[in-house]
Amino acid sequence: MIVGTDVRSVHQATVSELVLSDRLIALAQDADRAGYTDTAGHLLTLACTVFDEAAKKPH
């Protein structure tokens, strides 16, 4: 347990699309190595969707 951490500040943290997609790709690779090829495919699709959605956000 983390002592002295405000939970509200954790929820307000933003993550860039690049970091999120990188993490999803890493999870897809782990899933593929573990034999979960369908899950790996879904994670890879999700990683690509992150950038599709990023283009729709106003800058």
PDB file of N, CA and C in Angstrom:
ATOM      1  N   MET A   1       0.834  -1.176   0.000  1.00  0.00           N
ATOM      2  CA  MET A   1       0.000   0.000   0.000  1.00  0.00           C
ATOM      3  C   MET A   1       0.884   1.247   0.000  1.00  0.00           C
ATOM      4  N   ILE A   2       0.498   2.200  -0.825  1.00  0.00           N
ATOM      5  CA  ILE A   2       1.248   3.447  -0.904  1.00  0.00           C
ATOM      6  C   ILE A   2       0.648   4.419   0.099  1.00  0.00           C
ATOM      7  N   VAL A   3       1.466   4.883   1.007  1.00  0.00           N
ATOM      8  CA  VAL A   3       1.007   5.787   2.054  1.00  0.00           C
ATOM      9  C   VAL A   3       1.205   7.223   1.601  1.00  0.00           C
ATOM     10  N   GLY A   4       0.192   8.059   1.837  1.00  0.00           N
ATOM     11  CA  GLY A   4       0.323   9.475   1.539  1.00  0.00           C
ATOM     12  C   GLY A   4       0.046   9.853   0.101  1.00  0.00           C
ATOM     13  N   THR A   5      -0.516   8.953  -0.690  1.00  0.00           N
ATOM     14  CA  THR A   5      -0.820   9.266  -2.076  1.00  0.00           C
ATOM     15  C   THR A   5      -2.287   9.636  -2.204  1.00  0.00           C
ATOM     16  N   ASP A   6      -2.556  10.743  -2.851  1.00  0.00           N
ATOM     17  CA  ASP A   6      -3.923  11.171  -3.088  1.00  0.00           C
ATOM     18  C   ASP A   6      -4.432  10.448  -4.326  1.00  0.00           C
ATOM     19  N   VAL A   7      -5.479   9.658  -4.161  1.00  0.00           N
ATOM     20  CA  VAL A   7      -6.022   8.854  -5.256  1.00  0.00           C
ATOM     21  C   VAL A   7      -6.535   9.743  -6.374  1.00  0.00           C
ATOM     22  N   ARG A   8      -7.076  10.887  -6.051  1.00  0.00           N
ATOM     23  CA  ARG A   8      -7.606  11.779  -7.081  1.00  0.00           C
ATOM     24  C   ARG A   8      -6.517  12.237  -8.039  1.00  0.00           C
ATOM     25  N   SER A   9      -5.304  12.432  -7.564  1.00  0.00           N
ATOM     26  CA  SER A   9      -4.227  12.868  -8.442  1.00  0.00           C
ATOM     27  C   SER A   9      -3.810  11.765  -9.405  1.00  0.00           C
ATOM     28  N   VAL A  10      -3.960  10.518  -9.006  1.00  0.00           N
ATOM     29  CA  VAL A  10      -3.626   9.399  -9.888  1.00  0.00           C
ATOM     30  C   VAL A  10      -4.602   9.346 -11.050  1.00  0.00           C
ATOM     31  N   HIS A  11      -5.876   9.597 -10.794  1.00  0.00           N
ATOM     32  CA  HIS A  11      -6.887   9.550 -11.843  1.00  0.00           C
ATOM     33  C   HIS A  11      -6.771  10.713 -12.813  1.00  0.00           C
ATOM     34  N   GLN A  12      -6.148  11.796 -12.413  1.00  0.00           N
ATOM     35  CA  GLN A  12      -6.028  12.965 -13.262  1.00  0.00           C
ATOM     36  C   GLN A  12      -4.788  12.924 -14.154  1.00  0.00           C
ATOM     37  N   ALA A  13      -3.938  11.958 -13.960  1.00  0.00           N
ATOM     38  CA  ALA A  13      -2.724  11.865 -14.758  1.00  0.00           C
ATOM     39  C   ALA A  13      -3.087  11.527 -16.198  1.00  0.00           C
ATOM     40  N   THR A  14      -2.413  12.158 -17.131  1.00  0.00           N
ATOM     41  CA  THR A  14      -2.660  11.877 -18.545  1.00  0.00           C
ATOM     42  C   THR A  14      -1.512  11.063 -19.104  1.00  0.00           C
ATOM     43  N   VAL A  15      -1.845  10.235 -20.065  1.00  0.00           N
ATOM     44  CA  VAL A  15      -0.860   9.389 -20.713  1.00  0.00           C
ATOM     45  C   VAL A  15      -0.932   9.674 -22.208  1.00  0.00           C
ATOM     46  N   SER A  16       0.204   9.834 -22.829  1.00  0.00           N
ATOM     47  CA  SER A  16       0.205  10.120 -24.262  1.00  0.00           C
ATOM     48  C   SER A  16      -0.220   8.884 -25.048  1.00  0.00           C
ATOM     49  N   GLU A  17      -0.689   9.115 -26.251  1.00  0.00           N
ATOM     50  CA  GLU A  17      -1.112   8.021 -27.120  1.00  0.00           C
ATOM     51  C   GLU A  17       0.048   7.076 -27.429  1.00  0.00           C
ATOM     52  N   LEU A  18       1.233   7.653 -27.552  1.00  0.00           N
ATOM     53  CA  LEU A  18       2.402   6.831 -27.857  1.00  0.00           C
ATOM     54  C   LEU A  18       2.720   5.870 -26.717  1.00  0.00           C
ATOM     55  N   VAL A  19       2.677   6.349 -25.487  1.00  0.00           N
ATOM     56  CA  VAL A  19       2.964   5.496 -24.335  1.00  0.00           C
ATOM     57  C   VAL A  19       1.894   4.419 -24.200  1.00  0.00           C
ATOM     58  N   LEU A  20       0.637   4.798 -24.371  1.00  0.00           N
ATOM     59  CA  LEU A  20      -0.452   3.834 -24.260  1.00  0.00           C
ATOM     60  C   LEU A  20      -0.347   2.751 -25.317  1.00  0.00           C
ATOM     61  N   SER A  21      -0.105   3.128 -26.559  1.00  0.00           N
ATOM     62  CA  SER A  21      -0.005   2.127 -27.617  1.00  0.00           C
ATOM     63  C   SER A  21       1.229   1.249 -27.427  1.00  0.00           C
ATOM     64  N   ASP A  22       2.323   1.822 -26.942  1.00  0.00           N
ATOM     65  CA  ASP A  22       3.523   1.032 -26.679  1.00  0.00           C
ATOM     66  C   ASP A  22       3.253  -0.037 -25.619  1.00  0.00           C
ATOM     67  N   ARG A  23       2.537   0.349 -24.590  1.00  0.00           N
ATOM     68  CA  ARG A  23       2.193  -0.611 -23.515  1.00  0.00           C
ATOM     69  C   ARG A  23       1.268  -1.705 -24.035  1.00  0.00           C
ATOM     70  N   LEU A  24       0.308  -1.331 -24.875  1.00  0.00           N
ATOM     71  CA  LEU A  24      -0.600  -2.322 -25.449  1.00  0.00           C
ATOM     72  C   LEU A  24       0.144  -3.295 -26.355  1.00  0.00           C
ATOM     73  N   ILE A  25       1.112  -2.795 -27.112  1.00  0.00           N
ATOM     74  CA  ILE A  25       1.913  -3.670 -27.980  1.00  0.00           C
ATOM     75  C   ILE A  25       2.761  -4.617 -27.138  1.00  0.00           C
ATOM     76  N   ALA A  26       3.330  -4.112 -26.056  1.00  0.00           N
ATOM     77  CA  ALA A  26       4.108  -4.973 -25.157  1.00  0.00           C
ATOM     78  C   ALA A  26       3.223  -6.072 -24.561  1.00  0.00           C
ATOM     79  N   LEU A  27       2.004  -5.710 -24.173  1.00  0.00           N
ATOM     80  CA  LEU A  27       1.076  -6.714 -23.650  1.00  0.00           C
ATOM     81  C   LEU A  27       0.696  -7.728 -24.731  1.00  0.00           C
ATOM     82  N   ALA A  28       0.530  -7.267 -25.958  1.00  0.00           N
ATOM     83  CA  ALA A  28       0.225  -8.173 -27.068  1.00  0.00           C
ATOM     84  C   ALA A  28       1.366  -9.158 -27.298  1.00  0.00           C
ATOM     85  N   GLN A  29       2.582  -8.675 -27.213  1.00  0.00           N
ATOM     86  CA  GLN A  29       3.738  -9.561 -27.371  1.00  0.00           C
ATOM     87  C   GLN A  29       3.780 -10.608 -26.266  1.00  0.00           C
ATOM     88  N   ASP A  30       3.526 -10.189 -25.030  1.00  0.00           N
ATOM     89  CA  ASP A  30       3.493 -11.130 -23.912  1.00  0.00           C
ATOM     90  C   ASP A  30       2.384 -12.155 -24.088  1.00  0.00           C
ATOM     91  N   ALA A  31       1.214 -11.700 -24.531  1.00  0.00           N
ATOM     92  CA  ALA A  31       0.088 -12.614 -24.751  1.00  0.00           C
ATOM     93  C   ALA A  31       0.414 -13.617 -25.847  1.00  0.00           C
ATOM     94  N   ASP A  32       1.068 -13.162 -26.899  1.00  0.00           N
ATOM     95  CA  ASP A  32       1.431 -14.057 -27.993  1.00  0.00           C
ATOM     96  C   ASP A  32       2.435 -15.104 -27.536  1.00  0.00           C
ATOM     97  N   ARG A  33       3.421 -14.685 -26.761  1.00  0.00           N
ATOM     98  CA  ARG A  33       4.404 -15.634 -26.237  1.00  0.00           C
ATOM     99  C   ARG A  33       3.763 -16.665 -25.322  1.00  0.00           C
ATOM    100  N   ALA A  34       2.702 -16.254 -24.623  1.00  0.00           N
ATOM    101  CA  ALA A  34       2.015 -17.161 -23.697  1.00  0.00           C
ATOM    102  C   ALA A  34       1.010 -18.061 -24.419  1.00  0.00           C
ATOM    103  N   GLY A  35       0.854 -17.863 -25.709  1.00  0.00           N
ATOM    104  CA  GLY A  35      -0.054 -18.713 -26.474  1.00  0.00           C
ATOM    105  C   GLY A  35      -1.451 -18.148 -26.655  1.00  0.00           C
ATOM    106  N   TYR A  36      -1.668 -16.928 -26.233  1.00  0.00           N
ATOM    107  CA  TYR A  36      -2.973 -16.285 -26.373  1.00  0.00           C
ATOM    108  C   TYR A  36      -2.976 -15.420 -27.641  1.00  0.00           C
ATOM    109  N   THR A  37      -2.967 -16.070 -28.783  1.00  0.00           N
ATOM    110  CA  THR A  37      -2.836 -15.341 -30.044  1.00  0.00           C
ATOM    111  C   THR A  37      -4.061 -14.483 -30.356  1.00  0.00           C
ATOM    112  N   ASP A  38      -5.254 -14.961 -30.013  1.00  0.00           N
ATOM    113  CA  ASP A  38      -6.452 -14.148 -30.256  1.00  0.00           C
ATOM    114  C   ASP A  38      -6.413 -12.868 -29.421  1.00  0.00           C
ATOM    115  N   THR A  39      -6.036 -13.008 -28.164  1.00  0.00           N
ATOM    116  CA  THR A  39      -5.934 -11.844 -27.285  1.00  0.00           C
ATOM    117  C   THR A  39      -4.859 -10.894 -27.792  1.00  0.00           C
ATOM    118  N   ALA A  40      -3.750 -11.437 -28.259  1.00  0.00           N
ATOM    119  CA  ALA A  40      -2.675 -10.606 -28.803  1.00  0.00           C
ATOM    120  C   ALA A  40      -3.186  -9.803 -30.002  1.00  0.00           C
ATOM    121  N   GLY A  41      -3.978 -10.431 -30.837  1.00  0.00           N
ATOM    122  CA  GLY A  41      -4.547  -9.730 -31.985  1.00  0.00           C
ATOM    123  C   GLY A  41      -5.482  -8.603 -31.571  1.00  0.00           C
ATOM    124  N   HIS A  42      -6.287  -8.849 -30.556  1.00  0.00           N
ATOM    125  CA  HIS A  42      -7.197  -7.811 -30.058  1.00  0.00           C
ATOM    126  C   HIS A  42      -6.417  -6.643 -29.460  1.00  0.00           C
ATOM    127  N   LEU A  43      -5.357  -6.956 -28.722  1.00  0.00           N
ATOM    128  CA  LEU A  43      -4.545  -5.898 -28.123  1.00  0.00           C
ATOM    129  C   LEU A  43      -3.833  -5.071 -29.194  1.00  0.00           C
ATOM    130  N   LEU A  44      -3.378  -5.736 -30.239  1.00  0.00           N
ATOM    131  CA  LEU A  44      -2.709  -5.024 -31.329  1.00  0.00           C
ATOM    132  C   LEU A  44      -3.691  -4.108 -32.055  1.00  0.00           C
ATOM    133  N   THR A  45      -4.907  -4.600 -32.279  1.00  0.00           N
ATOM    134  CA  THR A  45      -5.945  -3.762 -32.893  1.00  0.00           C
ATOM    135  C   THR A  45      -6.251  -2.558 -32.019  1.00  0.00           C
ATOM    136  N   LEU A  46      -6.319  -2.783 -30.726  1.00  0.00           N
ATOM    137  CA  LEU A  46      -6.572  -1.695 -29.792  1.00  0.00           C
ATOM    138  C   LEU A  46      -5.434  -0.672 -29.812  1.00  0.00           C
ATOM    139  N   ALA A  47      -4.211  -1.151 -29.908  1.00  0.00           N
ATOM    140  CA  ALA A  47      -3.056  -0.252 -29.965  1.00  0.00           C
ATOM    141  C   ALA A  47      -3.129   0.647 -31.199  1.00  0.00           C
ATOM    142  N   CYS A  48      -3.566   0.109 -32.309  1.00  0.00           N
ATOM    143  CA  CYS A  48      -3.707   0.910 -33.533  1.00  0.00           C
ATOM    144  C   CYS A  48      -4.870   1.881 -33.418  1.00  0.00           C
ATOM    145  N   THR A  49      -5.930   1.481 -32.730  1.00  0.00           N
ATOM    146  CA  THR A  49      -7.099   2.327 -32.554  1.00  0.00           C
ATOM    147  C   THR A  49      -6.775   3.558 -31.715  1.00  0.00           C
ATOM    148  N   VAL A  50      -5.815   3.444 -30.834  1.00  0.00           N
ATOM    149  CA  VAL A  50      -5.424   4.585 -30.007  1.00  0.00           C
ATOM    150  C   VAL A  50      -5.056   5.772 -30.899  1.00  0.00           C
ATOM    151  N   PHE A  51      -4.338   5.527 -31.976  1.00  0.00           N
ATOM    152  CA  PHE A  51      -3.937   6.609 -32.863  1.00  0.00           C
ATOM    153  C   PHE A  51      -5.088   7.077 -33.737  1.00  0.00           C
ATOM    154  N   ASP A  52      -6.009   6.184 -34.083  1.00  0.00           N
ATOM    155  CA  ASP A  52      -7.186   6.595 -34.846  1.00  0.00           C
ATOM    156  C   ASP A  52      -8.026   7.569 -34.030  1.00  0.00           C
ATOM    157  N   GLU A  53      -8.178   7.280 -32.744  1.00  0.00           N
ATOM    158  CA  GLU A  53      -8.950   8.151 -31.866  1.00  0.00           C
ATOM    159  C   GLU A  53      -8.192   9.445 -31.569  1.00  0.00           C
ATOM    160  N   ALA A  54      -6.877   9.385 -31.544  1.00  0.00           N
ATOM    161  CA  ALA A  54      -6.078  10.569 -31.230  1.00  0.00           C
ATOM    162  C   ALA A  54      -6.256  11.640 -32.308  1.00  0.00           C
ATOM    163  N   ALA A  55      -6.442  11.235 -33.541  1.00  0.00           N
ATOM    164  CA  ALA A  55      -6.606  12.188 -34.625  1.00  0.00           C
ATOM    165  C   ALA A  55      -7.912  12.962 -34.515  1.00  0.00           C
ATOM    166  N   LYS A  56      -8.905  12.414 -33.827  1.00  0.00           N
ATOM    167  CA  LYS A  56     -10.201  13.055 -33.694  1.00  0.00           C
ATOM    168  C   LYS A  56     -10.259  14.076 -32.566  1.00  0.00           C
ATOM    169  N   LYS A  57      -9.256  14.052 -31.680  1.00  0.00           N
ATOM    170  CA  LYS A  57      -9.246  14.985 -30.552  1.00  0.00           C
ATOM    171  C   LYS A  57      -8.849  16.371 -31.031  1.00  0.00           C
ATOM    172  N   PRO A  58      -9.509  17.418 -30.513  1.00  0.00           N
ATOM    173  CA  PRO A  58      -9.081  18.779 -30.878  1.00  0.00           C
ATOM    174  C   PRO A  58      -7.741  19.132 -30.253  1.00  0.00           C
ATOM    175  N   HIS A  59      -6.927  19.857 -30.961  1.00  0.00           N
ATOM    176  CA  HIS A  59      -5.595  20.229 -30.446  1.00  0.00           C
ATOM    177  C   HIS A  59      -5.577  21.646 -30.007  1.00  0.00           C
TER     178      HIS A  59
END
